[in-house]
Amino acid sequence: MGNICIIPARGGSKRIPRKNIKEFLGKPIIAYSIKAAIDSGLFDEVMVSTDDAEIADIAKKFGANVPFLRSTNNSDDNATIIDVLNEVINNYLKQSIKFENLCCIFPCAPFVTADKLTLAFEQLIKSKFDSIFPVVRYSYPIQRALSLRAGKVKMVQDKYLNKMTQEFEVFYHDTGQFYFCNTNKVISQSKLMTQNSKGIEVFELEVQDIDNEGDWKLAELKYKLMNR
């Protein structure tokens, strides 16, 4: 078969309890990831990998499949995302179902859209990358990073102290939204980002880490600004 979308959503979130199904502007936040995947029309299967019955019920309500619950081994804090994806792919293989490409969309990623998924998939196929994912540039040059120890400030790299901002190379970081991958290549290397991965740049307004309640409110504000 062609493409599978896997949305990993365990029940044991620590910093924000029940984070993956917490209401985000009127509906569970995981619903945004499910909708983007379904609306893209790219996937033969849109499934949620979870260990939690309530999350499974909500996922099904919004159109995703939950053909099996995640194992206990892959539901604790030590399980990696690759462990989870491996488990899903292997469970489908046991049913003689194989997917050429997989897209891992994270459950707290309301800024993912069908258009972004389509762009990533087109570039994955056309350019033969192992994986493609959205990135955003750091808003301030990381070369001018400071350390703070016992209240004392120090440049991490003194050689950049007197350089002009415009002289610095621009650096980026992962947005934590989704990875579109060639299944065999990422599973065999146990990496979502390989030596042959590509980043698609997005704007800072489209990105928000959600680790606490303040982040949550900021994400809602950004979403409103993007969609008004």
C-alpha atoms as a PDB file:
ATOM      1  CA  MET A   1       0.000   0.000   0.000  1.00  0.00           C
ATOM      2  CA  GLY A   2       0.981   3.645  -0.245  1.00  0.00           C
ATOM      3  CA  ASN A   3       0.962   5.905   2.804  1.00  0.00           C
ATOM      4  CA  ILE A   4       0.129   5.608   6.468  1.00  0.00           C
ATOM      5  CA  CYS A   5      -0.309   8.463   8.927  1.00  0.00           C
ATOM      6  CA  ILE A   6       0.648   7.545  12.498  1.00  0.00           C
ATOM      7  CA  ILE A   7      -0.341   9.895  15.319  1.00  0.00           C
ATOM      8  CA  PRO A   8       1.403   8.841  18.555  1.00  0.00           C
ATOM      9  CA  ALA A   9      -0.683   9.833  21.589  1.00  0.00           C
ATOM     10  CA  ARG A  10      -0.060   8.066  24.863  1.00  0.00           C
ATOM     11  CA  GLY A  11      -2.123   8.834  27.924  1.00  0.00           C
ATOM     12  CA  GLY A  12       0.612   9.572  30.429  1.00  0.00           C
ATOM     13  CA  SER A  13       1.541  13.202  29.723  1.00  0.00           C
ATOM     14  CA  LYS A  14       3.188  14.778  32.768  1.00  0.00           C
ATOM     15  CA  ARG A  15       3.525  18.560  32.383  1.00  0.00           C
ATOM     16  CA  ILE A  16      -0.009  19.092  31.063  1.00  0.00           C
ATOM     17  CA  PRO A  17      -2.332  16.300  32.260  1.00  0.00           C
ATOM     18  CA  ARG A  18      -4.299  14.639  29.442  1.00  0.00           C
ATOM     19  CA  LYS A  19      -2.509  16.964  27.068  1.00  0.00           C
ATOM     20  CA  ASN A  20      -3.254  15.037  23.886  1.00  0.00           C
ATOM     21  CA  ILE A  21      -7.030  15.389  24.279  1.00  0.00           C
ATOM     22  CA  LYS A  22      -7.169  18.714  26.145  1.00  0.00           C
ATOM     23  CA  GLU A  23      -9.583  21.178  24.556  1.00  0.00           C
ATOM     24  CA  PHE A  24      -7.911  23.572  22.129  1.00  0.00           C
ATOM     25  CA  LEU A  25     -10.273  26.296  20.937  1.00  0.00           C
ATOM     26  CA  GLY A  26     -13.320  24.098  21.264  1.00  0.00           C
ATOM     27  CA  LYS A  27     -12.165  20.603  20.407  1.00  0.00           C
ATOM     28  CA  PRO A  28      -9.527  18.079  21.531  1.00  0.00           C
ATOM     29  CA  ILE A  29      -6.135  19.133  20.247  1.00  0.00           C
ATOM     30  CA  ILE A  30      -5.501  15.739  18.628  1.00  0.00           C
ATOM     31  CA  ALA A  31      -8.494  16.408  16.353  1.00  0.00           C
ATOM     32  CA  TYR A  32      -6.461  19.015  14.439  1.00  0.00           C
ATOM     33  CA  SER A  33      -3.789  16.474  13.502  1.00  0.00           C
ATOM     34  CA  ILE A  34      -6.404  13.917  12.482  1.00  0.00           C
ATOM     35  CA  LYS A  35      -8.286  16.449  10.354  1.00  0.00           C
ATOM     36  CA  ALA A  36      -5.132  17.635   8.549  1.00  0.00           C
ATOM     37  CA  ALA A  37      -4.242  14.049   7.680  1.00  0.00           C
ATOM     38  CA  ILE A  38      -7.725  13.164   6.442  1.00  0.00           C
ATOM     39  CA  ASP A  39      -8.182  16.424   4.519  1.00  0.00           C
ATOM     40  CA  SER A  40      -4.896  15.901   2.664  1.00  0.00           C
ATOM     41  CA  GLY A  41      -6.243  12.770   0.961  1.00  0.00           C
ATOM     42  CA  LEU A  42      -2.727  11.324   1.013  1.00  0.00           C
ATOM     43  CA  PHE A  43      -3.218   8.365   3.314  1.00  0.00           C
ATOM     44  CA  ASP A  44      -4.552   4.855   2.941  1.00  0.00           C
ATOM     45  CA  GLU A  45      -4.659   4.682   6.724  1.00  0.00           C
ATOM     46  CA  VAL A  46      -4.854   7.391   9.392  1.00  0.00           C
ATOM     47  CA  MET A  47      -4.280   5.755  12.768  1.00  0.00           C
ATOM     48  CA  VAL A  48      -3.599   6.782  16.342  1.00  0.00           C
ATOM     49  CA  SER A  49      -1.138   4.800  18.431  1.00  0.00           C
ATOM     50  CA  THR A  50      -2.247   5.027  22.051  1.00  0.00           C
ATOM     51  CA  ASP A  51      -2.376   3.040  25.258  1.00  0.00           C
ATOM     52  CA  ASP A  52      -5.390   4.984  26.500  1.00  0.00           C
ATOM     53  CA  ALA A  53      -9.035   3.981  25.947  1.00  0.00           C
ATOM     54  CA  GLU A  54     -10.370   7.549  26.184  1.00  0.00           C
ATOM     55  CA  ILE A  55      -7.868   8.822  23.624  1.00  0.00           C
ATOM     56  CA  ALA A  56      -8.788   5.912  21.368  1.00  0.00           C
ATOM     57  CA  ASP A  57     -12.494   6.763  21.580  1.00  0.00           C
ATOM     58  CA  ILE A  58     -11.876  10.441  20.788  1.00  0.00           C
ATOM     59  CA  ALA A  59      -9.563   9.555  17.901  1.00  0.00           C
ATOM     60  CA  LYS A  60     -12.255   7.339  16.378  1.00  0.00           C
ATOM     61  CA  LYS A  61     -14.873  10.048  16.869  1.00  0.00           C
ATOM     62  CA  PHE A  62     -12.830  12.422  14.710  1.00  0.00           C
ATOM     63  CA  GLY A  63     -12.191   9.865  11.974  1.00  0.00           C
ATOM     64  CA  ALA A  64      -8.958   8.057  12.830  1.00  0.00           C
ATOM     65  CA  ASN A  65      -8.525   4.310  13.214  1.00  0.00           C
ATOM     66  CA  VAL A  66      -7.221   2.621  16.355  1.00  0.00           C
ATOM     67  CA  PRO A  67      -6.805  -0.994  15.234  1.00  0.00           C
ATOM     68  CA  PHE A  68      -4.819  -1.952  18.344  1.00  0.00           C
ATOM     69  CA  LEU A  69      -3.629  -0.372  21.566  1.00  0.00           C
ATOM     70  CA  ARG A  70       0.021   0.413  22.147  1.00  0.00           C
ATOM     71  CA  SER A  71       2.022  -2.076  24.195  1.00  0.00           C
ATOM     72  CA  THR A  72       3.001  -1.337  27.789  1.00  0.00           C
ATOM     73  CA  ASN A  73       6.690  -1.391  26.829  1.00  0.00           C
ATOM     74  CA  ASN A  74       6.194   1.490  24.426  1.00  0.00           C
ATOM     75  CA  SER A  75       3.944   3.556  26.680  1.00  0.00           C
ATOM     76  CA  ASP A  76       6.416   4.730  29.323  1.00  0.00           C
ATOM     77  CA  ASP A  77       8.804   7.688  29.435  1.00  0.00           C
ATOM     78  CA  ASN A  78      11.684   5.623  28.038  1.00  0.00           C
ATOM     79  CA  ALA A  79      10.011   4.663  24.774  1.00  0.00           C
ATOM     80  CA  THR A  80      11.261   6.573  21.728  1.00  0.00           C
ATOM     81  CA  ILE A  81       9.161   7.682  18.796  1.00  0.00           C
ATOM     82  CA  ILE A  82      11.031   5.180  16.623  1.00  0.00           C
ATOM     83  CA  ASP A  83      10.028   2.405  19.047  1.00  0.00           C
ATOM     84  CA  VAL A  84       6.392   3.422  18.626  1.00  0.00           C
ATOM     85  CA  LEU A  85       6.583   3.633  14.834  1.00  0.00           C
ATOM     86  CA  ASN A  86       8.333   0.260  14.681  1.00  0.00           C
ATOM     87  CA  GLU A  87       5.576  -1.317  16.710  1.00  0.00           C
ATOM     88  CA  VAL A  88       2.877   0.087  14.448  1.00  0.00           C
ATOM     89  CA  ILE A  89       4.613  -0.933  11.219  1.00  0.00           C
ATOM     90  CA  ASN A  90       5.285  -4.448  12.554  1.00  0.00           C
ATOM     91  CA  ASN A  91       1.674  -4.894  13.631  1.00  0.00           C
ATOM     92  CA  TYR A  92       0.505  -4.063  10.128  1.00  0.00           C
ATOM     93  CA  LEU A  93       3.133  -6.369   8.617  1.00  0.00           C
ATOM     94  CA  LYS A  94       1.660  -9.216  10.680  1.00  0.00           C
ATOM     95  CA  GLN A  95      -1.527  -8.599   8.712  1.00  0.00           C
ATOM     96  CA  SER A  96       0.484  -8.575   5.456  1.00  0.00           C
ATOM     97  CA  ILE A  97      -0.049  -4.822   5.094  1.00  0.00           C
ATOM     98  CA  LYS A  98       3.008  -2.815   4.077  1.00  0.00           C
ATOM     99  CA  PHE A  99       3.244   0.950   3.607  1.00  0.00           C
ATOM    100  CA  GLU A 100       5.848   2.560   1.360  1.00  0.00           C
ATOM    101  CA  ASN A 101       5.741   5.889   3.212  1.00  0.00           C
ATOM    102  CA  LEU A 102       4.757   6.969   6.691  1.00  0.00           C
ATOM    103  CA  CYS A 103       3.916  10.319   8.153  1.00  0.00           C
ATOM    104  CA  CYS A 104       4.258  10.782  11.885  1.00  0.00           C
ATOM    105  CA  ILE A 105       2.079  13.709  12.947  1.00  0.00           C
ATOM    106  CA  PHE A 106       2.328  14.658  16.586  1.00  0.00           C
ATOM    107  CA  PRO A 107      -0.954  14.995  18.500  1.00  0.00           C
ATOM    108  CA  CYS A 108      -0.345  18.524  19.795  1.00  0.00           C
ATOM    109  CA  ALA A 109       0.301  20.111  16.409  1.00  0.00           C
ATOM    110  CA  PRO A 110      -2.664  22.312  15.482  1.00  0.00           C
ATOM    111  CA  PHE A 111      -0.588  24.238  12.936  1.00  0.00           C
ATOM    112  CA  VAL A 112      -0.217  21.206  10.651  1.00  0.00           C
ATOM    113  CA  THR A 113      -2.327  21.613   7.525  1.00  0.00           C
ATOM    114  CA  ALA A 114      -3.252  19.436   4.579  1.00  0.00           C
ATOM    115  CA  ASP A 115      -1.313  21.801   2.303  1.00  0.00           C
ATOM    116  CA  LYS A 116       1.894  21.383   4.319  1.00  0.00           C
ATOM    117  CA  LEU A 117       1.534  17.607   4.270  1.00  0.00           C
ATOM    118  CA  THR A 118       0.968  17.656   0.511  1.00  0.00           C
ATOM    119  CA  LEU A 119       4.035  19.832  -0.081  1.00  0.00           C
ATOM    120  CA  ALA A 120       6.172  17.523   2.059  1.00  0.00           C
ATOM    121  CA  PHE A 121       4.930  14.414   0.283  1.00  0.00           C
ATOM    122  CA  GLU A 122       5.514  15.883  -3.179  1.00  0.00           C
ATOM    123  CA  GLN A 123       9.097  16.747  -2.282  1.00  0.00           C
ATOM    124  CA  LEU A 124       9.667  13.367  -0.631  1.00  0.00           C
ATOM    125  CA  ILE A 125       8.693  11.584  -3.833  1.00  0.00           C
ATOM    126  CA  LYS A 126      10.204  14.002  -6.346  1.00  0.00           C
ATOM    127  CA  SER A 127      13.599  14.448  -4.696  1.00  0.00           C
ATOM    128  CA  LYS A 128      13.937  10.994  -3.097  1.00  0.00           C
ATOM    129  CA  PHE A 129      14.704  12.228   0.413  1.00  0.00           C
ATOM    130  CA  ASP A 130      14.507   9.793   3.335  1.00  0.00           C
ATOM    131  CA  SER A 131      12.359  12.224   5.307  1.00  0.00           C
ATOM    132  CA  ILE A 132      10.992  15.755   5.165  1.00  0.00           C
ATOM    133  CA  PHE A 133       9.802  17.884   8.057  1.00  0.00           C
ATOM    134  CA  PRO A 134       9.058  21.547   8.868  1.00  0.00           C
ATOM    135  CA  VAL A 135      11.752  23.718  10.423  1.00  0.00           C
ATOM    136  CA  VAL A 136      11.821  27.279  11.714  1.00  0.00           C
ATOM    137  CA  ARG A 137      14.774  29.624  12.027  1.00  0.00           C
ATOM    138  CA  TYR A 138      16.003  30.706  15.439  1.00  0.00           C
ATOM    139  CA  SER A 139      14.726  34.211  16.098  1.00  0.00           C
ATOM    140  CA  TYR A 140      18.138  35.308  17.451  1.00  0.00           C
ATOM    141  CA  PRO A 141      21.635  34.171  16.364  1.00  0.00           C
ATOM    142  CA  ILE A 142      22.565  31.119  18.420  1.00  0.00           C
ATOM    143  CA  GLN A 143      26.235  32.069  17.986  1.00  0.00           C
ATOM    144  CA  ARG A 144      25.652  34.806  20.570  1.00  0.00           C
ATOM    145  CA  ALA A 145      24.440  32.375  23.227  1.00  0.00           C
ATOM    146  CA  LEU A 146      25.285  33.213  26.839  1.00  0.00           C
ATOM    147  CA  SER A 147      25.847  30.992  29.846  1.00  0.00           C
ATOM    148  CA  LEU A 148      24.682  32.086  33.281  1.00  0.00           C
ATOM    149  CA  ARG A 149      26.405  30.525  36.281  1.00  0.00           C
ATOM    150  CA  ALA A 150      25.975  31.863  39.774  1.00  0.00           C
ATOM    151  CA  GLY A 151      24.632  35.042  38.196  1.00  0.00           C
ATOM    152  CA  LYS A 152      27.730  35.579  36.064  1.00  0.00           C
ATOM    153  CA  VAL A 153      27.200  36.028  32.320  1.00  0.00           C
ATOM    154  CA  LYS A 154      29.692  34.630  29.816  1.00  0.00           C
ATOM    155  CA  MET A 155      29.707  34.199  26.038  1.00  0.00           C
ATOM    156  CA  VAL A 156      29.601  30.530  25.118  1.00  0.00           C
ATOM    157  CA  GLN A 157      31.896  31.349  22.185  1.00  0.00           C
ATOM    158  CA  ASP A 158      33.958  34.503  22.724  1.00  0.00           C
ATOM    159  CA  LYS A 159      34.919  34.773  19.038  1.00  0.00           C
ATOM    160  CA  TYR A 160      31.398  35.982  18.226  1.00  0.00           C
ATOM    161  CA  LEU A 161      31.330  38.791  20.795  1.00  0.00           C
ATOM    162  CA  ASN A 162      32.004  41.656  18.388  1.00  0.00           C
ATOM    163  CA  LYS A 163      30.485  40.279  15.187  1.00  0.00           C
ATOM    164  CA  MET A 164      27.523  42.005  13.562  1.00  0.00           C
ATOM    165  CA  THR A 165      24.224  40.107  13.624  1.00  0.00           C
ATOM    166  CA  GLN A 166      23.956  40.088   9.831  1.00  0.00           C
ATOM    167  CA  GLU A 167      27.282  38.259   9.571  1.00  0.00           C
ATOM    168  CA  PHE A 168      25.992  35.116  11.260  1.00  0.00           C
ATOM    169  CA  GLU A 169      24.879  31.986   9.458  1.00  0.00           C
ATOM    170  CA  VAL A 170      21.177  31.303   9.966  1.00  0.00           C
ATOM    171  CA  PHE A 171      20.283  28.166  11.928  1.00  0.00           C
ATOM    172  CA  TYR A 172      16.990  26.310  12.286  1.00  0.00           C
ATOM    173  CA  HIS A 173      15.262  23.908  14.641  1.00  0.00           C
ATOM    174  CA  ASP A 174      12.620  21.218  14.246  1.00  0.00           C
ATOM    175  CA  THR A 175       9.058  22.437  14.806  1.00  0.00           C
ATOM    176  CA  GLY A 176       7.891  19.186  16.429  1.00  0.00           C
ATOM    177  CA  GLN A 177       4.884  18.943  14.088  1.00  0.00           C
ATOM    178  CA  PHE A 178       5.363  16.082  11.630  1.00  0.00           C
ATOM    179  CA  TYR A 179       7.823  13.921   9.705  1.00  0.00           C
ATOM    180  CA  PHE A 180       6.991  12.503   6.265  1.00  0.00           C
ATOM    181  CA  CYS A 181       9.285   9.546   5.605  1.00  0.00           C
ATOM    182  CA  ASN A 182      10.185   6.645   3.386  1.00  0.00           C
ATOM    183  CA  THR A 183       9.238   3.802   5.718  1.00  0.00           C
ATOM    184  CA  ASN A 184      12.121   1.424   4.985  1.00  0.00           C
ATOM    185  CA  LYS A 185      14.786   4.093   5.164  1.00  0.00           C
ATOM    186  CA  VAL A 186      13.839   5.591   8.523  1.00  0.00           C
ATOM    187  CA  ILE A 187      12.944   2.296  10.173  1.00  0.00           C
ATOM    188  CA  SER A 188      16.166   0.617   9.047  1.00  0.00           C
ATOM    189  CA  GLN A 189      18.246   3.527  10.362  1.00  0.00           C
ATOM    190  CA  SER A 190      16.094   4.060  13.480  1.00  0.00           C
ATOM    191  CA  LYS A 191      16.098   7.795  12.736  1.00  0.00           C
ATOM    192  CA  LEU A 192      13.451  10.241  11.583  1.00  0.00           C
ATOM    193  CA  MET A 193      16.198  12.643  10.544  1.00  0.00           C
ATOM    194  CA  THR A 194      18.873  10.918   8.462  1.00  0.00           C
ATOM    195  CA  GLN A 195      21.806  12.183   6.406  1.00  0.00           C
ATOM    196  CA  ASN A 196      19.329  12.555   3.544  1.00  0.00           C
ATOM    197  CA  SER A 197      16.543  14.599   5.153  1.00  0.00           C
ATOM    198  CA  LYS A 198      15.110  17.918   4.041  1.00  0.00           C
ATOM    199  CA  GLY A 199      13.618  20.776   6.038  1.00  0.00           C
ATOM    200  CA  ILE A 200      10.695  22.904   4.854  1.00  0.00           C
ATOM    201  CA  GLU A 201      10.902  26.366   6.401  1.00  0.00           C
ATOM    202  CA  VAL A 202       7.780  27.738   8.091  1.00  0.00           C
ATOM    203  CA  PHE A 203       7.141  31.048   9.817  1.00  0.00           C
ATOM    204  CA  GLU A 204       7.545  31.536  13.562  1.00  0.00           C
ATOM    205  CA  LEU A 205       3.835  32.357  13.887  1.00  0.00           C
ATOM    206  CA  GLU A 206       3.071  28.778  12.783  1.00  0.00           C
ATOM    207  CA  VAL A 207       5.157  27.172  15.508  1.00  0.00           C
ATOM    208  CA  GLN A 208       4.692  26.773  19.247  1.00  0.00           C
ATOM    209  CA  ASP A 209       6.127  24.253  21.697  1.00  0.00           C
ATOM    210  CA  ILE A 210       3.381  23.381  24.156  1.00  0.00           C
ATOM    211  CA  ASP A 211       4.969  22.365  27.452  1.00  0.00           C
ATOM    212  CA  ASN A 212       2.912  24.343  29.980  1.00  0.00           C
ATOM    213  CA  GLU A 213      -0.323  26.294  30.304  1.00  0.00           C
ATOM    214  CA  GLY A 214       1.314  29.526  29.158  1.00  0.00           C
ATOM    215  CA  ASP A 215       2.486  27.815  25.965  1.00  0.00           C
ATOM    216  CA  TRP A 216      -1.037  26.510  25.445  1.00  0.00           C
ATOM    217  CA  LYS A 217      -2.589  29.973  25.602  1.00  0.00           C
ATOM    218  CA  LEU A 218       0.068  31.350  23.275  1.00  0.00           C
ATOM    219  CA  ALA A 219      -0.589  28.563  20.773  1.00  0.00           C
ATOM    220  CA  GLU A 220      -4.306  29.377  20.827  1.00  0.00           C
ATOM    221  CA  LEU A 221      -3.546  33.047  20.214  1.00  0.00           C
ATOM    222  CA  LYS A 222      -1.240  32.240  17.301  1.00  0.00           C
ATOM    223  CA  TYR A 223      -3.826  29.882  15.831  1.00  0.00           C
ATOM    224  CA  LYS A 224      -6.480  32.586  15.964  1.00  0.00           C
ATOM    225  CA  LEU A 225      -4.154  35.049  14.249  1.00  0.00           C
ATOM    226  CA  MET A 226      -3.323  32.533  11.516  1.00  0.00           C
ATOM    227  CA  ASN A 227      -6.947  31.601  10.862  1.00  0.00           C
ATOM    228  CA  ARG A 228      -8.981  34.755  11.384  1.00  0.00           C
END
